[in-house]
Amino acid sequence: MKAKTPNASKTVMTDLVLPSETNPLNNLFGGELLARMDRAASIAARRHSRRIVVTASVNHVAFNRSVPLGSVVTVEAKVSRAFKTSMEVYIDVWIDDRESGIKTKANEAIYTFVAVDETGRPVSVPEIVPETDLEKERFDAALRRKQLSLVLAGKLKPNDATELKALFE
């Protein structure tokens, strides 16, 4: 299986925030944004693996800025690291300033997907070869996040989480 770059999975979805998608403060519902991020991330994971993918976990979500009614929202997703059958997908959410057109980062999230066959059994995925400094940073951090998740789930002994331990030495 040939390794791929994060850019090969890049998915960009741009949409408008409509009145039916907002809360009483006229900001985009968090759940609506989560759904948009899930769709973009699943496309990125599918592009990377060329398989059916299922959401395994939502590892991190940061709602740093509200997204007002009428905003143009862009969700960008890329696979940041691939493991045996799973992929971490990093998602950045941008909003356009109505007057200047300048994009501002509003939110981010990290989702994990698993590639499966037609019967739902996990299948192997290609490795990721990061190219940019940001891709390399996200690639390295993904292993620490995975180790932390495994330690918290009791599936990895803390002493075996070498990348995680290195942060504290």
C-alpha atoms as a PDB file:
ATOM      1  CA  MET A   1       0.000   0.000   0.000  1.00  0.00           C
ATOM      2  CA  LYS A   2       1.533   3.286  -1.098  1.00  0.00           C
ATOM      3  CA  ALA A   3       1.878   6.067   1.490  1.00  0.00           C
ATOM      4  CA  LYS A   4       0.020   9.327   0.850  1.00  0.00           C
ATOM      5  CA  THR A   5       0.394  12.941   1.870  1.00  0.00           C
ATOM      6  CA  PRO A   6      -2.210  14.724   3.994  1.00  0.00           C
ATOM      7  CA  ASN A   7      -2.967  16.952   1.006  1.00  0.00           C
ATOM      8  CA  ALA A   8      -4.260  13.932  -0.928  1.00  0.00           C
ATOM      9  CA  SER A   9      -7.154  13.736   1.532  1.00  0.00           C
ATOM     10  CA  LYS A  10      -7.833  17.470   1.775  1.00  0.00           C
ATOM     11  CA  THR A  11     -11.532  18.230   1.779  1.00  0.00           C
ATOM     12  CA  VAL A  12     -12.974  21.741   1.725  1.00  0.00           C
ATOM     13  CA  MET A  13     -16.677  22.415   2.212  1.00  0.00           C
ATOM     14  CA  THR A  14     -18.047  25.953   2.089  1.00  0.00           C
ATOM     15  CA  ASP A  15     -21.614  26.851   2.999  1.00  0.00           C
ATOM     16  CA  LEU A  16     -23.826  29.620   4.303  1.00  0.00           C
ATOM     17  CA  VAL A  17     -25.378  29.720   7.794  1.00  0.00           C
ATOM     18  CA  LEU A  18     -29.162  29.809   7.344  1.00  0.00           C
ATOM     19  CA  PRO A  19     -31.840  30.865   9.881  1.00  0.00           C
ATOM     20  CA  SER A  20     -33.055  27.278  10.432  1.00  0.00           C
ATOM     21  CA  GLU A  21     -29.515  26.309  11.582  1.00  0.00           C
ATOM     22  CA  THR A  22     -29.186  28.915  14.319  1.00  0.00           C
ATOM     23  CA  ASN A  23     -29.948  29.164  18.021  1.00  0.00           C
ATOM     24  CA  PRO A  24     -31.885  32.016  19.733  1.00  0.00           C
ATOM     25  CA  LEU A  25     -28.695  34.148  19.622  1.00  0.00           C
ATOM     26  CA  ASN A  26     -28.629  33.780  15.812  1.00  0.00           C
ATOM     27  CA  ASN A  27     -25.439  31.708  15.899  1.00  0.00           C
ATOM     28  CA  LEU A  28     -24.905  28.345  14.223  1.00  0.00           C
ATOM     29  CA  PHE A  29     -25.981  25.426  16.433  1.00  0.00           C
ATOM     30  CA  GLY A  30     -22.958  23.502  17.733  1.00  0.00           C
ATOM     31  CA  GLY A  31     -24.554  20.247  16.613  1.00  0.00           C
ATOM     32  CA  GLU A  32     -24.961  21.591  13.093  1.00  0.00           C
ATOM     33  CA  LEU A  33     -21.272  22.488  13.010  1.00  0.00           C
ATOM     34  CA  LEU A  34     -20.369  19.036  14.365  1.00  0.00           C
ATOM     35  CA  ALA A  35     -22.360  17.424  11.548  1.00  0.00           C
ATOM     36  CA  ARG A  36     -20.610  19.558   8.929  1.00  0.00           C
ATOM     37  CA  MET A  37     -17.226  18.657  10.410  1.00  0.00           C
ATOM     38  CA  ASP A  38     -18.158  14.956  10.481  1.00  0.00           C
ATOM     39  CA  ARG A  39     -19.127  15.012   6.799  1.00  0.00           C
ATOM     40  CA  ALA A  40     -15.928  16.794   5.728  1.00  0.00           C
ATOM     41  CA  ALA A  41     -13.765  14.523   7.897  1.00  0.00           C
ATOM     42  CA  SER A  42     -15.440  11.374   6.580  1.00  0.00           C
ATOM     43  CA  ILE A  43     -14.762  12.471   3.001  1.00  0.00           C
ATOM     44  CA  ALA A  44     -11.104  13.126   3.878  1.00  0.00           C
ATOM     45  CA  ALA A  45     -10.795   9.692   5.519  1.00  0.00           C
ATOM     46  CA  ARG A  46     -12.467   8.034   2.545  1.00  0.00           C
ATOM     47  CA  ARG A  47     -10.148   9.829   0.112  1.00  0.00           C
ATOM     48  CA  HIS A  48      -7.156   8.602   2.071  1.00  0.00           C
ATOM     49  CA  SER A  49      -8.256   5.008   2.537  1.00  0.00           C
ATOM     50  CA  ARG A  50     -10.427   4.530  -0.580  1.00  0.00           C
ATOM     51  CA  ARG A  51     -12.698   2.491   1.684  1.00  0.00           C
ATOM     52  CA  ILE A  52     -15.944   2.812   3.593  1.00  0.00           C
ATOM     53  CA  VAL A  53     -15.174   4.732   6.785  1.00  0.00           C
ATOM     54  CA  VAL A  54     -16.990   5.035  10.089  1.00  0.00           C
ATOM     55  CA  THR A  55     -16.581   7.651  12.789  1.00  0.00           C
ATOM     56  CA  ALA A  56     -14.835   5.999  15.730  1.00  0.00           C
ATOM     57  CA  SER A  57     -14.531   9.023  18.012  1.00  0.00           C
ATOM     58  CA  VAL A  58     -14.663  12.758  18.295  1.00  0.00           C
ATOM     59  CA  ASN A  59     -11.413  13.350  20.141  1.00  0.00           C
ATOM     60  CA  HIS A  60     -11.452  17.091  20.484  1.00  0.00           C
ATOM     61  CA  VAL A  61     -13.727  19.985  19.587  1.00  0.00           C
ATOM     62  CA  ALA A  62     -13.034  23.637  20.322  1.00  0.00           C
ATOM     63  CA  PHE A  63     -15.842  26.124  19.781  1.00  0.00           C
ATOM     64  CA  ASN A  64     -13.629  29.195  19.990  1.00  0.00           C
ATOM     65  CA  ARG A  65     -15.841  31.642  18.121  1.00  0.00           C
ATOM     66  CA  SER A  66     -19.534  31.742  17.444  1.00  0.00           C
ATOM     67  CA  VAL A  67     -20.598  31.529  13.821  1.00  0.00           C
ATOM     68  CA  PRO A  68     -23.279  34.176  13.145  1.00  0.00           C
ATOM     69  CA  LEU A  69     -26.311  33.863  10.900  1.00  0.00           C
ATOM     70  CA  GLY A  70     -25.411  34.641   7.300  1.00  0.00           C
ATOM     71  CA  SER A  71     -21.733  33.723   7.723  1.00  0.00           C
ATOM     72  CA  VAL A  72     -19.829  31.934   5.010  1.00  0.00           C
ATOM     73  CA  VAL A  73     -18.301  28.914   6.764  1.00  0.00           C
ATOM     74  CA  THR A  74     -15.468  26.824   5.356  1.00  0.00           C
ATOM     75  CA  VAL A  75     -14.656  23.449   6.888  1.00  0.00           C
ATOM     76  CA  GLU A  76     -11.238  22.053   5.924  1.00  0.00           C
ATOM     77  CA  ALA A  77     -10.337  18.464   6.797  1.00  0.00           C
ATOM     78  CA  LYS A  78      -7.156  16.428   6.246  1.00  0.00           C
ATOM     79  CA  VAL A  79      -5.940  13.093   7.522  1.00  0.00           C
ATOM     80  CA  SER A  80      -3.187  13.997   9.979  1.00  0.00           C
ATOM     81  CA  ARG A  81      -2.014  10.449  10.735  1.00  0.00           C
ATOM     82  CA  ALA A  82      -2.908   6.915   9.753  1.00  0.00           C
ATOM     83  CA  PHE A  83      -2.477   3.936  12.023  1.00  0.00           C
ATOM     84  CA  LYS A  84      -3.209   0.306  11.096  1.00  0.00           C
ATOM     85  CA  THR A  85      -6.927   0.676  10.318  1.00  0.00           C
ATOM     86  CA  SER A  86      -7.709   4.073  11.818  1.00  0.00           C
ATOM     87  CA  MET A  87      -7.073   7.621  10.721  1.00  0.00           C
ATOM     88  CA  GLU A  88      -6.962  10.821  12.701  1.00  0.00           C
ATOM     89  CA  VAL A  89      -8.548  13.708  10.805  1.00  0.00           C
ATOM     90  CA  TYR A  90      -7.830  17.299  11.786  1.00  0.00           C
ATOM     91  CA  ILE A  91     -10.543  19.811  10.974  1.00  0.00           C
ATOM     92  CA  ASP A  92     -10.222  23.604  10.798  1.00  0.00           C
ATOM     93  CA  VAL A  93     -13.302  25.822  10.590  1.00  0.00           C
ATOM     94  CA  TRP A  94     -13.028  29.290   9.056  1.00  0.00           C
ATOM     95  CA  ILE A  95     -15.489  32.142   8.714  1.00  0.00           C
ATOM     96  CA  ASP A  96     -15.231  34.924   6.147  1.00  0.00           C
ATOM     97  CA  ASP A  97     -15.472  38.521   7.277  1.00  0.00           C
ATOM     98  CA  ARG A  98     -18.409  39.980   5.360  1.00  0.00           C
ATOM     99  CA  GLU A  99     -16.683  43.255   4.545  1.00  0.00           C
ATOM    100  CA  SER A 100     -12.988  42.424   4.108  1.00  0.00           C
ATOM    101  CA  GLY A 101     -13.340  38.801   2.958  1.00  0.00           C
ATOM    102  CA  ILE A 102     -10.548  37.826   5.325  1.00  0.00           C
ATOM    103  CA  LYS A 103     -10.855  34.282   6.696  1.00  0.00           C
ATOM    104  CA  THR A 104     -10.620  33.855  10.466  1.00  0.00           C
ATOM    105  CA  LYS A 105     -10.205  30.523  12.199  1.00  0.00           C
ATOM    106  CA  ALA A 106     -13.288  29.994  14.335  1.00  0.00           C
ATOM    107  CA  ASN A 107     -13.102  26.382  15.496  1.00  0.00           C
ATOM    108  CA  GLU A 108     -11.196  23.129  15.195  1.00  0.00           C
ATOM    109  CA  ALA A 109     -11.727  19.467  15.871  1.00  0.00           C
ATOM    110  CA  ILE A 110     -10.025  16.091  15.720  1.00  0.00           C
ATOM    111  CA  TYR A 111     -12.016  13.027  14.694  1.00  0.00           C
ATOM    112  CA  THR A 112     -10.939   9.401  14.347  1.00  0.00           C
ATOM    113  CA  PHE A 113     -12.266   7.168  11.579  1.00  0.00           C
ATOM    114  CA  VAL A 114     -11.819   3.466  10.899  1.00  0.00           C
ATOM    115  CA  ALA A 115     -11.758   2.017   7.395  1.00  0.00           C
ATOM    116  CA  VAL A 116     -13.969  -1.036   6.986  1.00  0.00           C
ATOM    117  CA  ASP A 117     -14.887  -3.537   4.302  1.00  0.00           C
ATOM    118  CA  GLU A 118     -18.415  -4.277   3.095  1.00  0.00           C
ATOM    119  CA  THR A 119     -19.045  -6.477   6.153  1.00  0.00           C
ATOM    120  CA  GLY A 120     -17.909  -3.810   8.617  1.00  0.00           C
ATOM    121  CA  ARG A 121     -14.564  -5.410   9.448  1.00  0.00           C
ATOM    122  CA  PRO A 122     -11.596  -3.044   9.846  1.00  0.00           C
ATOM    123  CA  VAL A 123      -9.110  -2.966   6.964  1.00  0.00           C
ATOM    124  CA  SER A 124      -5.596  -1.562   6.633  1.00  0.00           C
ATOM    125  CA  VAL A 125      -5.032   1.993   5.437  1.00  0.00           C
ATOM    126  CA  PRO A 126      -2.027   3.645   3.763  1.00  0.00           C
ATOM    127  CA  GLU A 127       0.541   5.504   5.854  1.00  0.00           C
ATOM    128  CA  ILE A 128       0.733   9.305   5.900  1.00  0.00           C
ATOM    129  CA  VAL A 129       3.858  11.211   4.921  1.00  0.00           C
ATOM    130  CA  PRO A 130       3.542  14.771   6.253  1.00  0.00           C
ATOM    131  CA  GLU A 131       5.145  17.525   4.183  1.00  0.00           C
ATOM    132  CA  THR A 132       4.619  20.928   5.818  1.00  0.00           C
ATOM    133  CA  ASP A 133       5.698  21.949   9.321  1.00  0.00           C
ATOM    134  CA  LEU A 134       2.062  22.046  10.443  1.00  0.00           C
ATOM    135  CA  GLU A 135       1.402  18.577   8.989  1.00  0.00           C
ATOM    136  CA  LYS A 136       4.508  17.235  10.776  1.00  0.00           C
ATOM    137  CA  GLU A 137       3.402  18.820  14.057  1.00  0.00           C
ATOM    138  CA  ARG A 138      -0.091  17.313  13.772  1.00  0.00           C
ATOM    139  CA  PHE A 139       1.369  13.942  12.715  1.00  0.00           C
ATOM    140  CA  ASP A 140       3.617  13.759  15.798  1.00  0.00           C
ATOM    141  CA  ALA A 141       0.872  14.937  18.164  1.00  0.00           C
ATOM    142  CA  ALA A 142      -1.521  12.298  16.809  1.00  0.00           C
ATOM    143  CA  LEU A 143       0.576   9.481  18.253  1.00  0.00           C
ATOM    144  CA  ARG A 144       0.601  11.145  21.683  1.00  0.00           C
ATOM    145  CA  ARG A 145      -3.180  11.584  21.518  1.00  0.00           C
ATOM    146  CA  LYS A 146      -3.624   7.935  20.556  1.00  0.00           C
ATOM    147  CA  GLN A 147      -1.375   6.766  23.377  1.00  0.00           C
ATOM    148  CA  LEU A 148      -3.265   8.925  25.891  1.00  0.00           C
ATOM    149  CA  SER A 149      -6.568   7.517  24.680  1.00  0.00           C
ATOM    150  CA  LEU A 150      -5.280   3.946  24.994  1.00  0.00           C
ATOM    151  CA  VAL A 151      -3.896   4.583  28.489  1.00  0.00           C
ATOM    152  CA  LEU A 152      -7.201   6.100  29.634  1.00  0.00           C
ATOM    153  CA  ALA A 153      -9.096   3.136  28.182  1.00  0.00           C
ATOM    154  CA  GLY A 154      -6.815   0.697  30.013  1.00  0.00           C
ATOM    155  CA  LYS A 155      -5.527  -0.763  26.733  1.00  0.00           C
ATOM    156  CA  LEU A 156      -1.946   0.520  27.147  1.00  0.00           C
ATOM    157  CA  LYS A 157       0.199   0.639  30.260  1.00  0.00           C
ATOM    158  CA  PRO A 158       1.391   4.177  31.057  1.00  0.00           C
ATOM    159  CA  ASN A 159       5.027   3.026  30.986  1.00  0.00           C
ATOM    160  CA  ASP A 160       4.530   1.785  27.417  1.00  0.00           C
ATOM    161  CA  ALA A 161       3.282   5.184  26.194  1.00  0.00           C
ATOM    162  CA  THR A 162       6.766   6.258  25.142  1.00  0.00           C
ATOM    163  CA  GLU A 163       5.794   9.341  23.115  1.00  0.00           C
ATOM    164  CA  LEU A 164       3.507  10.539  25.876  1.00  0.00           C
ATOM    165  CA  LYS A 165       6.112   9.934  28.604  1.00  0.00           C
ATOM    166  CA  ALA A 166       8.677  11.936  26.643  1.00  0.00           C
ATOM    167  CA  LEU A 167       6.611  15.078  27.236  1.00  0.00           C
ATOM    168  CA  PHE A 168       7.198  14.802  30.972  1.00  0.00           C
ATOM    169  CA  GLU A 169      10.877  13.889  31.020  1.00  0.00           C
END
